[in-house]
Each structure stands twice: as C-alpha cells, then as structure tokens.
Amino acid sequence: MSRAAGPRRRPASRPNVLVICVDQWRGDALSAAGHPVVKTPHLDELAGQGTRFSRAYSATPTCVPARVAMFTGQSQERHGRTGYRDGVPFHLAHPVTMQSTLREAGYQTQAVGKMHVYPERSRCGFDDVRLHDGFLHFGRRYGGRHLEAHDDYLRWLRRQPEVGAGGDYFDDGVGCNSMVAIPWNRPEHLHPTNWVVQETLDFLDRRDPTAPFFAWVSFHRPHAPFNPPQWAFDQYWHGPRVQPPVGDWIGEFEEFRRDGYHQTVMGRLDPESHHRAMSGYYGNISHIDLQINRLMEGLADHELFEETSIVFVSDHGEMMGDHDMYRKSVGYEGSAHVPFVVRPAPAFFPDVPRGQVVDDVTELRDLMPTVLEMAGVEVPATVDGRSLLPHVRGERPGWRSEIHGEHTHFEQSLQWVTDGRRKYLWASARGVEQFFDLETDPHELHDLSTDPSRAAEVADWRARLVGYLEGREEGFVADGELVTGRPVRTEASWVSELAVR
C-alpha cells in the first residue's frame, strides 16, 4: 500500500524528525548493500526513498562513546571519550546535545529504548524518556539492583499476565555479550524490540499536535542477547552456513585469544556455535526490519509519514567471527563500518533525489548537524561534524578526506585512519601496523603494510595518523614519530575528573 496520506489536515510548518538507532548492526548487513545472507526488505525500501551512505563509520565503536558522538555531533578529539566506560555523568561532560538544541527550538523531544548514559535516568535534553538499555550490567552490578527504576521495559514486562512480578528478560539465561543464541521464549509481543515500537506508537498518539516532534527510537538489538522470535531465528538457522573471512594477519593479537569461550572477543567458535550465533544475530536484524515496517505504517496512520524525516543508523558493528573476532571495539570493517540512511520528509524536501548511494566517508558525528539542518535549526558551535543534507540534495560539497578512529581495547589504544577506500591501523602496545586496500580487499584479508610497492602510501597514511595524535596527553607521538608502549586511557583527563564528582 502507499503510505502517502491525502491532504486531510493542515500540514506542519516544520518537519518532524525520527532517528532509528540500532545497536551493533554491521554496515554490510543490509540486502540493499548486497549482503549474501541477511534480508532487510523494509530498510531497503527506506533506503530507496532516501540516501544510503555506504562508507559510514563509528570512530569509537562501542556503545558509550558512539552515543556521545551522535548526541553531541562531536569527534572523539572534542568529546574526549576514547573507550568504553560507564559511570561518567553525561550532563556534566556533554551539556549541549542534538535533542536539547531541538527542544530549545520548539520541538517536542522523546526517547524510546536505549540511551546508555549515566545516571541512567538522565534525559540529556529529551522531554521524556521511555528507557530500556538492555541487560543493565552497570545498574545490576553497581545500582543496588533497583532494576525497575532504570528500566521502563522491565517494569512493563512484569505487569504482563504471562510474566508476573518476579519475571525478568534474563530468565532464559542468555547474556548480553554472549555468542550463545536461542529463540525468544515468550510471546513475540513481549520482546523488547516490539516494546520499543509500541512505545513509539503510543507517543504518536499522545504527542502535542501543535509542535513538531523529534523521536529517538533506539533498539537494543541486534546486540546480544541473540534471542529473536523463532521465525526469525529459523530463517537463518536453516539457511546457508557462511564461514567468516579470516585475514592473513590474525596472529597479531594472539595473546588475547580464547577459542571456544562464549564471550570471546578474540577466538574461534566451533562451526555449529558460530552458525547459531549468526542465526541469532541476523534473526534480530530481520525482526527489527519487520518492526520498522510496523513503525512506518504507524506514521502513515497518523498522517505523519510524508512530514517526517527519518534517519536509520547504528552505533557500531559486530565482528561476528571475522578474523576470529567477535563483538566490537576494533577498527576493522565489521566493527567500525555502520549503516547510515537519511530519508528527508517528502512534504518539505520534494525534489531531492531518491535511492542514492553516496560513497564519501561519513561518521556518527555527522548525525546531529544533519538532523538540525533538516529541522531548520542552527547548529551549535560545539559541533564539529558536518551535515549530510547537501549530499542528500544530490550536491557534492567539498568534503573531509578521511576520518580518524580509535578505541582502547586489547590493553592498548587501537588507532586507525580511513577514507573508506584505504585504511591504516596502528596498535599502541607493540606498534603493530596494518594497511588495507578496501577497494580490492573489502574484507581486509591482506595486510599490505610491509609490501614494498605500497611503502610510500603506508608512510603517507602513517603521517596522517601522526597529525591526529600530535600533542595528545598520552604521548603517542614524539619527534614526529609514533611511540609504542604508552599508557592508555578510555577518556581524556578532563572527562576522568568529571567521573569522580
């Protein structure tokens, strides 16, 4: 059916904006991007109505720093978060956000789902938050186990007659960083993915019709637990068994290997366990894709589909066995490459091209200025990301030549620079260098850092990284050269000081 609504009411004066954020969704895991296994028909439809950015990255690819980048429009050089650390008061470190700026401009701002900030109930500029951050490991370990205070989904779940007051979404025992995968063991409408959409539809019912809205619709999945509904799990469990790519360089991090461990970050699972994990992960993706269709139809039912700009993005990817790695935090494509789709509201942007694929390198810091420009709101001076709206209009503006990414992982700082076509990586503990030609080797199978024919190119990319790290407090550069073995941090010193207040 066509979702376009007839002119039955007075049109809005400014577009609504809906950002769909998913957690741990690989950049290649869209059938529109040519993935050989996963199917995402409804996201493919959305991409066909807008612009898909094929070389989008998360510069700090774990939940906490990536969400700081999205909420603030800042690179890690500016927001100071270079690794995963809970417990840093968000409102002290990052007072200006995408949502606070929109709120000040007259938007009604609503968040549903995952925030991953501290304190957990911080609104960060939203008028209201319906919260479900997932397993709540920080809250479970250090929050006095007042889980319902930190989780609106859990409070709702315990009110359902099928569950009862003592129930928990952890009843099946599937962990939030485990590769163990099983189908969801309750009725599908109780799944947190469905809850996020239902809460968003409820917001559409009760929103203020005199103001435009900004909705942050944030799914915890496809992040583990890998427990999609049975139908979603089965379509991949009974599908082809695809072996992950393994590069000729994987011995570089051998000291961190834990083969067969269900929460491994470096290690190999047996073929059946890997296939189960992949089935659960891709099953989560297909489940979200179908619920996104439910959300789009809900917008149409409220006659808002044409007046709402929609963005789809992930905070980071999932290695899913690539190069014997799982989870995230590394600069390789499975972890750092993310999906990014922008579909502007047709009622406000009637002449923009549809179905474009843009291959300029983009990053999560670009989300905030893009959203603000679509809303007609001035971008604060604190932002160093750039709006993607000129690309969406079919223009080709002067653009950045590359992005710098990093994350503290494997007990060191993993640094990388890429333009989406070449990628240079440097690991600080022993100075391990890698260089990949992504155009000819998109799966990063062959490290070219010691290839004599690429020596000048590698030196150029090394110099680019030196430029980003010059003057850093860790001392990664001295006399124009990279320095190995330096102590590393998960955040800049000024952020660390805020964490102890």
Protein backbone atom coordinates (compact mmCIF):
# COMPACT_ATOMS: atom_id res chain seq x y z
CA MET A 1 0.00 0.00 0.00
CA SER A 2 1.09 3.59 -0.49
CA ARG A 3 1.91 5.32 2.75
CA ALA A 4 1.29 8.79 1.37
CA ALA A 5 -1.70 10.38 3.09
CA GLY A 6 -4.18 12.71 1.44
CA PRO A 7 -4.43 16.39 2.42
CA ARG A 8 -6.97 15.83 5.19
CA ARG A 9 -5.49 18.24 7.71
CA ARG A 10 -3.38 21.35 7.94
CA PRO A 11 0.26 20.45 7.17
CA ALA A 12 3.00 21.04 9.71
CA SER A 13 5.18 24.14 9.44
CA ARG A 14 8.39 22.20 10.19
CA PRO A 15 9.27 18.57 9.59
CA ASN A 16 9.17 16.01 12.33
CA VAL A 17 12.39 14.00 12.72
CA LEU A 18 12.60 10.34 13.69
CA VAL A 19 16.02 8.76 14.26
CA ILE A 20 16.06 4.96 14.36
CA CYS A 21 19.23 3.90 16.17
CA VAL A 22 20.17 0.23 16.40
CA ASP A 23 22.94 -1.33 18.45
CA GLN A 24 25.79 -3.38 16.97
CA TRP A 25 24.45 -3.59 13.39
CA ARG A 26 27.19 -4.16 10.79
CA GLY A 27 27.42 -1.73 7.92
CA ASP A 28 27.25 -4.53 5.34
CA ALA A 29 24.19 -6.22 6.92
CA LEU A 30 21.59 -4.82 4.53
CA SER A 31 20.33 -6.66 1.50
CA ALA A 32 20.42 -3.26 -0.26
CA ALA A 33 24.18 -3.31 0.33
CA GLY A 34 24.44 -6.72 -1.34
CA HIS A 35 24.73 -8.93 1.74
CA PRO A 36 24.58 -12.58 0.65
CA VAL A 37 22.53 -13.82 3.63
CA VAL A 38 20.64 -11.19 5.61
CA LYS A 39 17.35 -9.84 4.25
CA THR A 40 16.11 -6.34 5.12
CA PRO A 41 13.26 -5.56 2.69
CA HIS A 42 11.76 -2.69 4.67
CA LEU A 43 15.05 -0.90 5.29
CA ASP A 44 15.83 -1.44 1.61
CA GLU A 45 12.56 0.36 0.87
CA LEU A 46 13.52 3.23 3.16
CA ALA A 47 16.95 3.49 1.50
CA GLY A 48 15.19 3.57 -1.87
CA GLN A 49 13.26 6.63 -0.71
CA GLY A 50 16.35 8.43 0.54
CA THR A 51 20.14 8.28 0.53
CA ARG A 52 22.33 5.46 1.80
CA PHE A 53 25.84 6.38 2.90
CA SER A 54 27.92 3.35 2.02
CA ARG A 55 31.12 4.46 3.77
CA ALA A 56 29.80 5.49 7.18
CA TYR A 57 31.84 4.76 10.29
CA SER A 58 31.72 4.82 14.06
CA ALA A 59 35.00 6.43 15.10
CA THR A 60 34.79 5.00 18.64
CA PRO A 61 32.95 1.71 18.08
CA THR A 62 31.34 0.81 21.40
CA CYS A 63 28.02 1.89 22.86
CA VAL A 64 29.04 4.69 25.24
CA PRO A 65 31.44 6.83 23.16
CA ALA A 66 29.48 6.25 19.95
CA ARG A 67 26.30 7.60 21.53
CA VAL A 68 28.22 10.60 22.83
CA ALA A 69 29.23 11.30 19.23
CA MET A 70 25.64 11.01 18.00
CA PHE A 71 24.15 13.14 20.76
CA THR A 72 26.82 15.88 20.61
CA GLY A 73 27.88 15.94 16.95
CA GLN A 74 31.49 15.76 18.08
CA SER A 75 34.57 13.74 17.22
CA GLN A 76 36.40 11.94 20.00
CA GLU A 77 39.08 14.62 19.88
CA ARG A 78 36.43 17.05 21.12
CA HIS A 79 34.12 14.94 23.30
CA GLY A 80 37.05 13.14 24.96
CA ARG A 81 35.61 9.61 25.12
CA THR A 82 38.10 7.18 23.57
CA GLY A 83 36.95 3.91 25.10
CA TYR A 84 34.13 2.23 26.95
CA ARG A 85 33.50 3.50 30.46
CA ASP A 86 30.21 3.66 32.37
CA GLY A 87 29.60 5.99 35.29
CA VAL A 88 30.61 9.33 33.72
CA PRO A 89 27.86 11.94 34.36
CA PHE A 90 26.64 12.77 30.88
CA HIS A 91 25.10 16.15 31.75
CA LEU A 92 28.41 17.42 33.14
CA ALA A 93 30.60 16.28 30.27
CA HIS A 94 28.23 16.99 27.38
CA PRO A 95 25.67 19.71 28.14
CA VAL A 96 24.78 20.58 24.52
CA THR A 97 23.01 17.81 22.63
CA MET A 98 21.04 17.26 19.47
CA GLN A 99 17.84 16.83 21.44
CA SER A 100 18.38 19.79 23.77
CA THR A 101 19.01 22.03 20.76
CA LEU A 102 15.81 20.83 19.10
CA ARG A 103 13.88 21.23 22.33
CA GLU A 104 15.04 24.84 22.67
CA ALA A 105 13.87 25.39 19.08
CA GLY A 106 10.33 24.28 19.94
CA TYR A 107 10.44 20.56 19.18
CA GLN A 108 8.78 18.02 21.45
CA THR A 109 11.56 15.53 22.11
CA GLN A 110 11.00 11.89 23.02
CA ALA A 111 13.40 8.99 23.51
CA VAL A 112 12.33 5.35 23.49
CA GLY A 113 14.70 2.47 24.16
CA LYS A 114 18.45 2.58 24.67
CA MET A 115 20.29 5.67 25.92
CA HIS A 116 23.35 4.18 27.68
CA VAL A 117 24.17 7.30 29.66
CA TYR A 118 24.85 7.91 33.34
CA PRO A 119 22.90 8.43 35.53
CA GLU A 120 20.65 6.04 33.65
CA ARG A 121 17.59 8.30 34.01
CA SER A 122 19.37 11.37 32.62
CA ARG A 123 17.18 12.90 29.93
CA CYS A 124 20.10 14.59 28.11
CA GLY A 125 17.71 17.16 26.63
CA PHE A 126 14.69 14.95 25.93
CA ASP A 127 11.29 15.96 27.31
CA ASP A 128 10.65 12.33 28.20
CA VAL A 129 12.48 9.00 28.10
CA ARG A 130 10.97 5.51 27.96
CA LEU A 131 14.09 3.57 28.87
CA HIS A 132 15.42 0.11 28.05
CA ASP A 133 19.20 -0.08 27.93
CA GLY A 134 19.38 -3.84 27.67
CA PHE A 135 20.96 -6.03 30.31
CA LEU A 136 21.81 -3.05 32.55
CA HIS A 137 25.11 -4.59 33.59
CA PHE A 138 26.30 -1.35 35.22
CA GLY A 139 22.97 -0.92 37.02
CA ARG A 140 22.87 -4.59 38.01
CA ARG A 141 26.39 -4.52 39.40
CA TYR A 142 26.51 -1.07 40.98
CA GLY A 143 22.96 0.30 41.08
CA GLY A 144 21.69 -1.55 44.12
CA ARG A 145 19.66 -3.85 41.83
CA HIS A 146 16.81 -1.34 41.66
CA LEU A 147 16.35 -2.52 38.11
CA GLU A 148 12.82 -1.24 37.57
CA ALA A 149 13.99 2.27 38.43
CA HIS A 150 16.38 2.09 35.48
CA ASP A 151 14.23 0.14 33.02
CA ASP A 152 10.70 1.03 31.89
CA TYR A 153 10.51 -2.11 29.76
CA LEU A 154 11.18 -4.35 32.77
CA ARG A 155 8.51 -2.54 34.78
CA TRP A 156 6.05 -3.04 31.88
CA LEU A 157 7.09 -6.67 31.38
CA ARG A 158 6.36 -7.56 34.99
CA ARG A 159 2.85 -6.19 34.65
CA GLN A 160 2.02 -8.60 31.83
CA PRO A 161 -0.07 -11.60 32.92
CA GLU A 162 2.21 -14.04 31.06
CA VAL A 163 5.21 -12.90 33.13
CA GLY A 164 4.30 -11.70 36.61
CA ALA A 165 6.04 -9.64 39.26
CA GLY A 166 9.16 -11.82 39.55
CA GLY A 167 9.88 -12.06 35.84
CA ASP A 168 12.94 -10.77 34.05
CA TYR A 169 14.04 -10.67 30.43
CA PHE A 170 17.12 -12.54 31.65
CA ASP A 171 15.02 -15.58 32.63
CA ASP A 172 16.36 -17.57 29.67
CA GLY A 173 19.95 -17.01 30.87
CA VAL A 174 21.21 -15.64 27.54
CA GLY A 175 23.84 -13.00 28.29
CA CYS A 176 24.22 -9.57 26.73
CA ASN A 177 27.75 -10.25 25.45
CA SER A 178 27.41 -13.97 24.82
CA MET A 179 27.54 -15.74 21.48
CA VAL A 180 25.03 -18.31 22.79
CA ALA A 181 21.84 -17.92 20.75
CA ILE A 182 18.33 -19.30 21.28
CA PRO A 183 14.90 -18.21 20.08
CA TRP A 184 12.83 -15.86 22.30
CA ASN A 185 10.92 -17.96 24.84
CA ARG A 186 7.87 -15.73 25.33
CA PRO A 187 5.09 -14.41 23.07
CA GLU A 188 6.61 -12.14 20.43
CA HIS A 189 4.69 -9.04 21.53
CA LEU A 190 6.66 -9.14 24.80
CA HIS A 191 10.05 -8.86 23.06
CA PRO A 192 11.93 -5.61 23.78
CA THR A 193 12.12 -4.89 20.04
CA ASN A 194 8.32 -4.89 19.83
CA TRP A 195 8.09 -2.83 23.02
CA VAL A 196 10.23 -0.04 21.53
CA VAL A 197 7.89 0.26 18.56
CA GLN A 198 4.74 0.07 20.68
CA GLU A 199 6.02 2.82 22.99
CA THR A 200 6.82 4.97 19.95
CA LEU A 201 3.34 4.45 18.52
CA ASP A 202 1.89 5.37 21.91
CA PHE A 203 3.94 8.57 21.81
CA LEU A 204 2.46 9.40 18.41
CA ASP A 205 -0.98 9.06 19.99
CA ARG A 206 -0.26 11.39 22.89
CA ARG A 207 2.16 13.91 21.34
CA ASP A 208 1.43 17.62 21.22
CA PRO A 209 -0.06 18.16 17.72
CA THR A 210 0.84 21.87 17.78
CA ALA A 211 4.61 21.22 17.87
CA PRO A 212 6.92 19.25 15.61
CA PHE A 213 8.49 16.22 17.25
CA PHE A 214 11.91 14.66 17.44
CA ALA A 215 11.82 10.96 18.34
CA TRP A 216 14.90 8.91 19.20
CA VAL A 217 13.80 5.29 18.60
CA SER A 218 16.63 3.17 19.90
CA PHE A 219 16.66 -0.63 19.69
CA HIS A 220 18.96 -2.61 21.96
CA ARG A 221 19.17 -5.34 19.31
CA PRO A 222 20.78 -6.76 17.17
CA HIS A 223 23.29 -6.58 20.07
CA ALA A 224 23.25 -9.79 22.10
CA PRO A 225 21.27 -11.45 23.59
CA PHE A 226 20.84 -13.23 20.26
CA ASN A 227 17.27 -14.30 21.01
CA PRO A 228 14.94 -13.24 18.19
CA PRO A 229 11.50 -14.77 17.68
CA GLN A 230 11.50 -18.36 16.46
CA TRP A 231 10.60 -17.48 12.85
CA ALA A 232 13.47 -15.00 12.62
CA PHE A 233 15.99 -17.43 14.09
CA ASP A 234 14.83 -20.31 11.89
CA GLN A 235 15.18 -18.50 8.57
CA TYR A 236 18.94 -18.26 9.12
CA TRP A 237 19.46 -21.47 11.10
CA HIS A 238 18.04 -23.39 8.14
CA GLY A 239 19.93 -21.22 5.64
CA PRO A 240 23.45 -21.48 4.25
CA ARG A 241 26.42 -21.82 6.58
CA VAL A 242 28.77 -19.00 5.68
CA GLN A 243 32.31 -19.01 7.00
CA PRO A 244 33.59 -15.62 8.19
CA PRO A 245 36.60 -14.09 6.44
CA VAL A 246 39.95 -14.68 8.12
CA GLY A 247 42.88 -12.46 7.17
CA ASP A 248 46.48 -13.50 6.67
CA TRP A 249 47.46 -11.37 9.67
CA ILE A 250 45.37 -12.72 12.56
CA GLY A 251 48.37 -13.76 14.68
CA GLU A 252 48.94 -10.10 15.60
CA PHE A 253 46.67 -10.33 18.68
CA GLU A 254 47.22 -13.97 19.53
CA GLU A 255 47.89 -13.32 23.22
CA PHE A 256 44.22 -12.36 23.65
CA ARG A 257 42.83 -15.49 22.02
CA ARG A 258 40.24 -17.58 23.89
CA ASP A 259 38.94 -20.19 21.46
CA GLY A 260 35.57 -21.67 22.31
CA TYR A 261 34.74 -19.11 25.01
CA HIS A 262 31.15 -17.91 24.61
CA GLN A 263 32.05 -14.28 25.40
CA THR A 264 35.28 -14.22 23.43
CA VAL A 265 36.46 -11.10 21.68
CA MET A 266 39.41 -12.85 20.07
CA GLY A 267 38.96 -16.53 19.37
CA ARG A 268 37.25 -19.09 17.18
CA LEU A 269 33.97 -20.86 17.92
CA ASP A 270 33.17 -24.31 16.62
CA PRO A 271 31.15 -24.21 13.34
CA GLU A 272 27.79 -25.02 14.92
CA SER A 273 28.14 -22.45 17.71
CA HIS A 274 29.18 -19.84 15.17
CA HIS A 275 26.21 -20.65 12.95
CA ARG A 276 23.84 -20.41 15.92
CA ALA A 277 25.31 -17.03 16.86
CA MET A 278 24.99 -15.81 13.28
CA SER A 279 21.38 -17.08 13.11
CA GLY A 280 20.51 -15.23 16.31
CA TYR A 281 22.26 -12.05 15.21
CA TYR A 282 20.74 -11.96 11.73
CA GLY A 283 17.41 -13.05 13.22
CA ASN A 284 17.50 -9.97 15.46
CA ILE A 285 18.11 -7.88 12.35
CA SER A 286 15.16 -9.35 10.46
CA HIS A 287 12.94 -8.87 13.49
CA ILE A 288 13.88 -5.19 13.72
CA ASP A 289 13.38 -4.76 10.00
CA LEU A 290 9.81 -6.03 10.28
CA GLN A 291 9.08 -3.84 13.30
CA ILE A 292 10.41 -0.82 11.40
CA ASN A 293 7.73 -1.53 8.82
CA ARG A 294 5.19 -1.51 11.66
CA LEU A 295 6.55 1.86 12.74
CA MET A 296 6.36 3.28 9.21
CA GLU A 297 2.73 2.19 8.91
CA GLY A 298 2.04 3.81 12.28
CA LEU A 299 3.40 7.11 10.96
CA ALA A 300 1.13 6.75 7.95
CA ASP A 301 -1.88 6.01 10.16
CA HIS A 302 -1.23 9.30 11.94
CA GLU A 303 -0.80 11.08 8.57
CA LEU A 304 2.80 11.87 9.50
CA PHE A 305 4.83 9.78 7.09
CA GLU A 306 5.23 12.49 4.46
CA GLU A 307 6.01 15.15 7.06
CA THR A 308 8.64 13.18 8.95
CA SER A 309 12.33 12.97 8.10
CA ILE A 310 13.73 9.55 9.01
CA VAL A 311 17.32 8.53 9.75
CA PHE A 312 18.50 4.97 10.29
CA VAL A 313 21.91 4.45 11.90
CA SER A 314 23.86 2.11 14.18
CA ASP A 315 26.29 2.97 16.97
CA HIS A 316 28.84 0.37 15.78
CA GLY A 317 29.05 -3.03 14.13
CA GLU A 318 29.72 -6.64 15.19
CA MET A 319 32.75 -8.63 14.08
CA MET A 320 30.72 -11.88 14.09
CA GLY A 321 33.76 -14.11 13.64
CA ASP A 322 35.62 -12.01 11.07
CA HIS A 323 39.34 -12.65 11.61
CA ASP A 324 38.47 -14.79 14.64
CA MET A 325 36.96 -11.78 16.43
CA TYR A 326 33.54 -11.14 17.92
CA ARG A 327 31.81 -8.08 19.33
CA LYS A 328 33.35 -4.65 18.57
CA SER A 329 35.92 -2.02 19.70
CA VAL A 330 38.34 -2.60 16.80
CA GLY A 331 38.83 -0.52 13.66
CA TYR A 332 38.11 -3.33 11.21
CA GLU A 333 35.11 -3.09 8.91
CA GLY A 334 32.87 -5.50 10.82
CA SER A 335 33.15 -3.35 13.94
CA ALA A 336 33.58 0.24 12.71
CA HIS A 337 31.55 0.31 9.47
CA VAL A 338 27.88 1.16 10.13
CA PRO A 339 24.67 1.57 8.13
CA PHE A 340 23.52 5.17 7.67
CA VAL A 341 20.34 6.06 5.73
CA VAL A 342 18.77 9.53 5.51
CA ARG A 343 15.26 9.90 4.12
CA PRO A 344 14.11 13.55 4.29
CA ALA A 345 10.41 14.34 4.68
CA PRO A 346 8.90 14.45 1.16
CA ALA A 347 6.49 17.23 2.16
CA PHE A 348 9.46 19.51 2.94
CA PHE A 349 12.05 18.14 0.52
CA PRO A 350 10.01 17.23 -2.57
CA ASP A 351 12.78 17.47 -5.13
CA VAL A 352 15.67 15.57 -3.54
CA PRO A 353 16.94 12.52 -5.44
CA ARG A 354 15.73 9.15 -4.21
CA GLY A 355 17.63 5.89 -3.98
CA GLN A 356 21.08 7.47 -3.97
CA VAL A 357 24.18 5.75 -2.67
CA VAL A 358 26.90 8.17 -1.51
CA ASP A 359 30.44 6.86 -1.04
CA ASP A 360 32.04 9.87 0.69
CA VAL A 361 33.36 8.87 4.12
CA THR A 362 30.96 9.87 6.89
CA GLU A 363 30.84 9.39 10.66
CA LEU A 364 28.38 9.38 13.56
CA ARG A 365 29.33 12.98 14.44
CA ASP A 366 27.51 13.94 11.22
CA LEU A 367 24.14 12.83 12.58
CA MET A 368 23.44 15.88 14.76
CA PRO A 369 24.16 18.58 12.16
CA THR A 370 22.19 16.59 9.55
CA VAL A 371 19.14 16.36 11.81
CA LEU A 372 19.36 20.03 12.79
CA GLU A 373 19.64 21.22 9.21
CA MET A 374 16.64 19.11 8.16
CA ALA A 375 14.73 20.72 11.04
CA GLY A 376 15.85 24.23 10.08
CA VAL A 377 17.67 24.70 13.41
CA GLU A 378 21.05 26.40 13.77
CA VAL A 379 23.96 24.07 14.50
CA PRO A 380 25.78 24.96 17.76
CA ALA A 381 29.44 25.97 17.64
CA THR A 382 30.30 22.94 19.80
CA VAL A 383 29.64 20.62 16.84
CA ASP A 384 32.50 19.50 14.58
CA GLY A 385 30.50 17.03 12.48
CA ARG A 386 29.08 18.12 9.14
CA SER A 387 25.58 18.00 7.76
CA LEU A 388 24.91 15.35 5.12
CA LEU A 389 21.95 17.24 3.71
CA PRO A 390 23.93 18.64 0.74
CA HIS A 391 24.72 15.05 -0.27
CA VAL A 392 21.05 14.15 0.16
CA ARG A 393 20.13 17.01 -2.18
CA GLY A 394 22.40 15.48 -4.81
CA GLU A 395 25.19 18.01 -4.35
CA ARG A 396 28.85 17.09 -3.95
CA PRO A 397 30.27 19.55 -1.44
CA GLY A 398 33.91 19.84 -0.55
CA TRP A 399 34.30 17.06 1.95
CA ARG A 400 36.73 15.65 4.51
CA SER A 401 39.49 13.49 3.09
CA GLU A 402 39.35 10.87 5.85
CA ILE A 403 38.26 10.15 9.40
CA HIS A 404 40.32 9.21 12.45
CA GLY A 405 39.01 6.45 14.71
CA GLU A 406 40.28 4.86 17.89
CA HIS A 407 39.35 2.72 20.86
CA THR A 408 41.06 1.36 23.95
CA HIS A 409 40.97 -2.43 23.53
CA PHE A 410 43.32 -5.41 23.90
CA GLU A 411 45.00 -3.43 26.71
CA GLN A 412 46.19 -0.74 24.31
CA SER A 413 44.99 2.04 22.04
CA LEU A 414 43.85 0.86 18.63
CA GLN A 415 44.16 3.75 16.18
CA TRP A 416 43.03 3.95 12.55
CA VAL A 417 42.55 6.38 9.69
CA THR A 418 40.43 5.69 6.61
CA ASP A 419 38.78 7.35 3.64
CA GLY A 420 36.64 4.26 3.05
CA ARG A 421 38.98 3.13 0.27
CA ARG A 422 42.24 2.70 2.16
CA LYS A 423 42.72 2.06 5.86
CA TYR A 424 45.78 2.40 8.07
CA LEU A 425 45.72 0.87 11.58
CA TRP A 426 48.21 1.14 14.44
CA ALA A 427 48.13 -0.70 17.78
CA SER A 428 49.99 1.16 20.51
CA ALA A 429 51.35 -1.70 22.66
CA ARG A 430 53.89 -3.04 20.15
CA GLY A 431 53.41 -0.63 17.28
CA VAL A 432 51.67 -3.16 15.04
CA GLU A 433 50.86 -1.53 11.71
CA GLN A 434 48.34 -2.70 9.14
CA PHE A 435 47.27 -1.27 5.80
CA PHE A 436 44.35 -2.43 3.68
CA ASP A 437 43.14 -1.57 0.20
CA LEU A 438 39.38 -1.71 0.80
CA GLU A 439 38.53 -1.29 -2.88
CA THR A 440 40.25 -4.53 -3.88
CA ASP A 441 40.07 -6.23 -0.48
CA PRO A 442 36.84 -5.16 1.28
CA HIS A 443 37.11 -7.97 3.86
CA GLU A 444 40.61 -6.88 4.95
CA LEU A 445 42.18 -10.23 4.19
CA HIS A 446 45.63 -9.00 3.12
CA ASP A 447 47.80 -6.67 5.19
CA LEU A 448 49.85 -4.53 2.79
CA SER A 449 51.87 -2.65 5.42
CA THR A 450 55.10 -4.48 4.53
CA ASP A 451 54.51 -4.58 0.76
CA PRO A 452 57.46 -2.65 -0.78
CA SER A 453 55.27 -1.40 -3.60
CA ARG A 454 52.96 0.34 -1.07
CA ALA A 455 55.71 1.75 1.19
CA ALA A 456 55.18 5.38 0.17
CA GLU A 457 51.42 5.05 0.56
CA VAL A 458 51.78 3.49 4.01
CA ALA A 459 54.16 6.29 5.05
CA ASP A 460 51.63 8.89 3.93
CA TRP A 461 48.85 7.30 5.96
CA ARG A 462 51.12 6.92 8.97
CA ALA A 463 51.86 10.64 8.75
CA ARG A 464 48.13 11.35 8.73
CA LEU A 465 47.72 9.45 12.00
CA VAL A 466 50.70 11.28 13.48
CA GLY A 467 48.90 14.52 12.65
CA TYR A 468 45.82 13.43 14.61
CA LEU A 469 47.85 12.26 17.63
CA GLU A 470 50.37 15.11 17.85
CA GLY A 471 50.12 16.74 21.26
CA ARG A 472 47.86 14.10 22.80
CA GLU A 473 48.23 13.71 26.56
CA GLU A 474 49.11 10.01 26.21
CA GLY A 475 52.32 10.89 24.39
CA PHE A 476 51.64 8.76 21.31
CA VAL A 477 53.90 11.00 19.18
CA ALA A 478 57.45 12.24 19.78
CA ASP A 479 59.65 13.99 17.21
CA GLY A 480 57.09 13.27 14.53
CA GLU A 481 57.12 9.51 15.12
CA LEU A 482 54.60 7.15 16.70
CA VAL A 483 55.62 5.97 20.17
CA THR A 484 54.75 2.48 21.36
CA GLY A 485 54.00 1.24 24.87
CA ARG A 486 52.43 4.42 26.22
CA PRO A 487 49.78 4.19 28.99
CA VAL A 488 46.29 4.42 27.54
CA ARG A 489 43.01 5.92 28.71
CA THR A 490 39.33 5.39 27.99
CA GLU A 491 38.68 9.11 28.12
CA ALA A 492 40.53 12.41 28.24
CA SER A 493 41.70 13.65 31.64
CA TRP A 494 39.01 16.31 31.86
CA VAL A 495 36.33 13.64 31.43
CA SER A 496 38.01 11.48 34.09
CA GLU A 497 37.82 14.35 36.54
CA LEU A 498 34.07 14.63 35.96
CA ALA A 499 33.60 10.91 36.59
CA VAL A 500 34.70 11.21 40.23
CA ARG A 501 32.46 14.15 41.13
